[in-house]
C-alpha atoms as a PDB file:
ATOM      1  CA  MET A   1      26.953 -31.517  -9.395  1.00  0.00           C
ATOM      2  CA  ASN A   2      23.556 -33.042  -9.854  1.00  0.00           C
ATOM      3  CA  LYS A   3      23.003 -33.682 -13.562  1.00  0.00           C
ATOM      4  CA  ASP A   4      19.186 -33.706 -13.278  1.00  0.00           C
ATOM      5  CA  GLU A   5      19.114 -30.280 -11.626  1.00  0.00           C
ATOM      6  CA  LEU A   6      21.442 -28.833 -14.267  1.00  0.00           C
ATOM      7  CA  GLU A   7      19.260 -30.212 -17.059  1.00  0.00           C
ATOM      8  CA  LYS A   8      16.146 -28.851 -15.365  1.00  0.00           C
ATOM      9  CA  ARG A   9      17.680 -25.389 -15.043  1.00  0.00           C
ATOM     10  CA  THR A  10      18.905 -25.505 -18.675  1.00  0.00           C
ATOM     11  CA  ASN A  11      15.384 -26.331 -19.825  1.00  0.00           C
ATOM     12  CA  GLU A  12      13.995 -23.415 -17.786  1.00  0.00           C
ATOM     13  CA  VAL A  13      16.453 -21.029 -19.445  1.00  0.00           C
ATOM     14  CA  LYS A  14      15.624 -22.415 -22.888  1.00  0.00           C
ATOM     15  CA  GLN A  15      11.904 -22.072 -22.212  1.00  0.00           C
ATOM     16  CA  SER A  16      12.397 -18.500 -21.081  1.00  0.00           C
ATOM     17  CA  PHE A  17      14.366 -17.796 -24.262  1.00  0.00           C
ATOM     18  CA  TYR A  18      11.640 -19.343 -26.421  1.00  0.00           C
ATOM     19  CA  ASN A  19       8.985 -17.387 -24.531  1.00  0.00           C
ATOM     20  CA  ARG A  20      10.855 -14.210 -25.392  1.00  0.00           C
ATOM     21  CA  LEU A  21      10.995 -15.258 -29.030  1.00  0.00           C
ATOM     22  CA  GLU A  22       7.260 -15.938 -28.942  1.00  0.00           C
ATOM     23  CA  SER A  23       6.777 -12.506 -27.367  1.00  0.00           C
ATOM     24  CA  LYS A  24       8.655 -10.896 -30.250  1.00  0.00           C
ATOM     25  CA  LYS A  25       6.438 -12.772 -32.700  1.00  0.00           C
ATOM     26  CA  LEU A  26       3.348 -11.585 -30.818  1.00  0.00           C
ATOM     27  CA  ILE A  27       4.608  -8.017 -30.868  1.00  0.00           C
ATOM     28  CA  LYS A  28       5.011  -8.177 -34.641  1.00  0.00           C
ATOM     29  CA  LYS A  29       1.726 -10.023 -35.122  1.00  0.00           C
ATOM     30  CA  LEU A  30      -0.586  -8.236 -32.692  1.00  0.00           C
ATOM     31  CA  GLY A  31       1.231  -4.942 -32.317  1.00  0.00           C
ATOM     32  CA  ARG A  32       1.254  -5.100 -28.513  1.00  0.00           C
ATOM     33  CA  ILE A  33       3.756  -6.163 -25.902  1.00  0.00           C
ATOM     34  CA  PRO A  34       2.784  -8.987 -23.506  1.00  0.00           C
ATOM     35  CA  PHE A  35       2.356  -8.039 -19.853  1.00  0.00           C
ATOM     36  CA  MET A  36       5.302 -10.123 -18.652  1.00  0.00           C
ATOM     37  CA  GLU A  37       7.648  -8.064 -20.839  1.00  0.00           C
ATOM     38  CA  HIS A  38       6.744  -4.652 -19.425  1.00  0.00           C
ATOM     39  CA  MET A  39       4.816  -5.405 -16.182  1.00  0.00           C
ATOM     40  CA  SER A  40       3.027  -2.063 -16.075  1.00  0.00           C
ATOM     41  CA  MET A  41      -0.677  -1.371 -15.689  1.00  0.00           C
ATOM     42  CA  THR A  42      -2.889   1.593 -16.430  1.00  0.00           C
ATOM     43  CA  HIS A  43      -6.466   1.948 -15.308  1.00  0.00           C
ATOM     44  CA  LYS A  44      -9.059   1.787 -18.090  1.00  0.00           C
ATOM     45  CA  ASN A  45     -11.051   4.711 -16.724  1.00  0.00           C
ATOM     46  CA  PRO A  46      -9.099   7.809 -15.664  1.00  0.00           C
ATOM     47  CA  THR A  47      -9.901   9.250 -12.262  1.00  0.00           C
ATOM     48  CA  GLN A  48     -12.800  11.615 -12.775  1.00  0.00           C
ATOM     49  CA  ILE A  49     -14.506  14.190 -10.632  1.00  0.00           C
ATOM     50  CA  SER A  50     -18.194  14.814 -11.162  1.00  0.00           C
ATOM     51  CA  GLU A  51     -19.031  18.189 -12.735  1.00  0.00           C
ATOM     52  CA  SER A  52     -21.609  19.126 -10.085  1.00  0.00           C
ATOM     53  CA  ALA A  53     -19.212  18.895  -7.134  1.00  0.00           C
ATOM     54  CA  LYS A  54     -15.970  19.682  -8.943  1.00  0.00           C
ATOM     55  CA  ALA A  55     -15.000  22.664  -6.783  1.00  0.00           C
ATOM     56  CA  LEU A  56     -15.598  20.735  -3.562  1.00  0.00           C
ATOM     57  CA  GLU A  57     -13.926  17.467  -4.524  1.00  0.00           C
ATOM     58  CA  ILE A  58     -10.795  18.940  -6.096  1.00  0.00           C
ATOM     59  CA  ASN A  59      -9.791  20.424  -2.765  1.00  0.00           C
ATOM     60  CA  ASP A  60     -10.853  17.367  -0.755  1.00  0.00           C
ATOM     61  CA  ASP A  61      -7.558  15.489  -0.392  1.00  0.00           C
ATOM     62  CA  ILE A  62      -9.101  12.464   1.282  1.00  0.00           C
ATOM     63  CA  LYS A  63     -11.554  11.811  -1.559  1.00  0.00           C
ATOM     64  CA  ARG A  64      -8.805  12.303  -4.147  1.00  0.00           C
ATOM     65  CA  GLU A  65      -6.440   9.941  -2.338  1.00  0.00           C
ATOM     66  CA  PHE A  66      -9.246   7.406  -2.006  1.00  0.00           C
ATOM     67  CA  CYS A  67      -9.851   7.541  -5.791  1.00  0.00           C
ATOM     68  CA  PHE A  68      -6.133   6.988  -6.443  1.00  0.00           C
ATOM     69  CA  TYR A  69      -6.082   4.170  -3.898  1.00  0.00           C
ATOM     70  CA  ASN A  70      -9.010   2.391  -5.564  1.00  0.00           C
ATOM     71  CA  SER A  71      -7.550   2.669  -9.068  1.00  0.00           C
ATOM     72  CA  CYS A  72      -4.164   1.376  -7.836  1.00  0.00           C
ATOM     73  CA  LYS A  73      -5.842  -1.496  -6.017  1.00  0.00           C
ATOM     74  CA  ASP A  74      -7.726  -2.494  -9.179  1.00  0.00           C
ATOM     75  CA  ASN A  75      -4.518  -2.399 -11.207  1.00  0.00           C
ATOM     76  CA  VAL A  76      -2.658  -4.522  -8.660  1.00  0.00           C
ATOM     77  CA  MET A  77      -5.420  -7.140  -8.679  1.00  0.00           C
ATOM     78  CA  LYS A  78      -5.301  -7.340 -12.506  1.00  0.00           C
ATOM     79  CA  ALA A  79      -1.504  -7.563 -12.497  1.00  0.00           C
ATOM     80  CA  MET A  80      -1.615 -10.337  -9.889  1.00  0.00           C
ATOM     81  CA  GLU A  81      -4.015 -12.281 -12.123  1.00  0.00           C
ATOM     82  CA  PHE A  82      -1.593 -11.926 -15.045  1.00  0.00           C
ATOM     83  CA  CYS A  83       1.314 -13.068 -12.866  1.00  0.00           C
ATOM     84  CA  VAL A  84      -0.619 -16.086 -11.578  1.00  0.00           C
ATOM     85  CA  GLN A  85      -1.564 -17.055 -15.143  1.00  0.00           C
ATOM     86  CA  ALA A  86       2.085 -16.784 -16.183  1.00  0.00           C
ATOM     87  CA  LYS A  87       3.116 -18.837 -13.106  1.00  0.00           C
ATOM     88  CA  VAL A  88       5.266 -16.032 -11.723  1.00  0.00           C
ATOM     89  CA  PRO A  89       5.612 -16.278  -7.919  1.00  0.00           C
ATOM     90  CA  ILE A  90       3.972 -13.327  -6.188  1.00  0.00           C
ATOM     91  CA  ASP A  91       4.355 -14.361  -2.519  1.00  0.00           C
ATOM     92  CA  ARG A  92       7.387 -13.851  -0.340  1.00  0.00           C
ATOM     93  CA  PRO A  93       9.172 -17.033   0.676  1.00  0.00           C
ATOM     94  CA  ASP A  94       8.495 -18.308   4.199  1.00  0.00           C
ATOM     95  CA  ASP A  95      12.078 -17.630   5.248  1.00  0.00           C
ATOM     96  CA  PHE A  96      12.034 -14.039   3.927  1.00  0.00           C
ATOM     97  CA  PHE A  97      13.941 -11.612   6.145  1.00  0.00           C
ATOM     98  CA  ALA A  98      14.122  -7.907   5.383  1.00  0.00           C
ATOM     99  CA  GLU A  99      16.758  -5.658   6.902  1.00  0.00           C
ATOM    100  CA  MET A 100      15.444  -2.541   8.551  1.00  0.00           C
ATOM    101  CA  ILE A 101      16.944   0.800   7.624  1.00  0.00           C
ATOM    102  CA  LYS A 102      16.765   2.139  11.169  1.00  0.00           C
ATOM    103  CA  THR A 103      18.458   0.525  14.146  1.00  0.00           C
ATOM    104  CA  ASP A 104      16.584  -0.972  17.083  1.00  0.00           C
ATOM    105  CA  ASP A 105      17.914   1.795  19.363  1.00  0.00           C
ATOM    106  CA  HIS A 106      16.490   4.467  17.088  1.00  0.00           C
ATOM    107  CA  MET A 107      13.114   2.694  16.973  1.00  0.00           C
ATOM    108  CA  ARG A 108      13.102   2.477  20.805  1.00  0.00           C
ATOM    109  CA  GLN A 109      13.677   6.241  20.954  1.00  0.00           C
ATOM    110  CA  VAL A 110      10.820   6.850  18.522  1.00  0.00           C
ATOM    111  CA  LYS A 111       8.531   4.578  20.544  1.00  0.00           C
ATOM    112  CA  GLY A 112       9.540   6.382  23.744  1.00  0.00           C
ATOM    113  CA  ARG A 113       8.732   9.756  22.209  1.00  0.00           C
ATOM    114  CA  LEU A 114       5.347   8.504  21.040  1.00  0.00           C
ATOM    115  CA  LEU A 115       4.539   7.116  24.482  1.00  0.00           C
ATOM    116  CA  LYS A 116       5.547  10.434  26.144  1.00  0.00           C
ATOM    117  CA  GLN A 117       3.375  12.328  23.695  1.00  0.00           C
ATOM    118  CA  LYS A 118       0.434  10.009  24.386  1.00  0.00           C
ATOM    119  CA  LYS A 119       0.937  10.432  28.141  1.00  0.00           C
ATOM    120  CA  LYS A 120       0.985  14.253  27.795  1.00  0.00           C
ATOM    121  CA  ILE A 121      -2.241  14.159  25.810  1.00  0.00           C
ATOM    122  CA  GLN A 122      -3.896  11.975  28.459  1.00  0.00           C
ATOM    123  CA  GLN A 123      -2.744  14.306  31.245  1.00  0.00           C
ATOM    124  CA  PHE A 124      -4.073  17.324  29.328  1.00  0.00           C
ATOM    125  CA  GLU A 125      -7.439  15.590  28.808  1.00  0.00           C
ATOM    126  CA  GLU A 126      -7.611  14.714  32.521  1.00  0.00           C
ATOM    127  CA  LYS A 127      -6.857  18.325  33.530  1.00  0.00           C
ATOM    128  CA  LYS A 128      -9.471  19.570  31.103  1.00  0.00           C
ATOM    129  CA  SER A 129     -12.138  17.176  32.413  1.00  0.00           C
ATOM    130  CA  LYS A 130     -11.296  18.067  36.062  1.00  0.00           C
ATOM    131  CA  SER A 131     -11.584  21.754  35.258  1.00  0.00           C
ATOM    132  CA  GLU A 132     -14.943  21.208  33.557  1.00  0.00           C
ATOM    133  CA  ASN A 133     -16.145  19.131  36.525  1.00  0.00           C
ATOM    134  CA  ARG A 134     -15.112  21.884  38.965  1.00  0.00           C
ATOM    135  CA  LYS A 135     -16.950  24.509  36.917  1.00  0.00           C
ATOM    136  CA  PHE A 136     -20.014  22.261  36.669  1.00  0.00           C
ATOM    137  CA  HIS A 137     -20.117  21.554  40.413  1.00  0.00           C
ATOM    138  CA  LYS A 138     -19.581  25.242  41.185  1.00  0.00           C
ATOM    139  CA  ALA A 139     -22.470  26.134  38.871  1.00  0.00           C
ATOM    140  CA  ILE A 140     -24.688  23.558  40.598  1.00  0.00           C
ATOM    141  CA  ARG A 141     -23.776  24.938  44.036  1.00  0.00           C
ATOM    142  CA  ASN A 142     -24.532  28.473  42.938  1.00  0.00           C
ATOM    143  CA  PHE A 143     -27.813  27.361  41.353  1.00  0.00           C
ATOM    144  CA  THR A 144     -29.024  25.546  44.501  1.00  0.00           C
ATOM    145  CA  GLN A 145     -28.180  28.416  46.900  1.00  0.00           C
END
């Protein structure tokens, strides 16, 4: 074994242990838990709906989802800043490989179904446009006679 690597790793573990001790001191001193101990974020301002358009916006799912999306995005950006300050890696490694839950055969079937559905929609649109063109040309013929 490489002695330098073992010493380096031992120092990392010690530093982590001392950081936890410092965190406990901070908790006692300041009365709050450091971010790296709990890693949870809450938005400062709760999602609010204006009083004038309350009835409209409550039932508008897209606007509600967009509000939730924005608050989550803000929280993620703040959390990433905390992680960068604490030198916690936030990027995936270059050689990261994630296993898929579904097999390639299943995904081919799904893709095939989507392509068939798209083709049906295109055929329906073509039939509809041809029918409209026939009606239009018939109306023009009747109008000119």
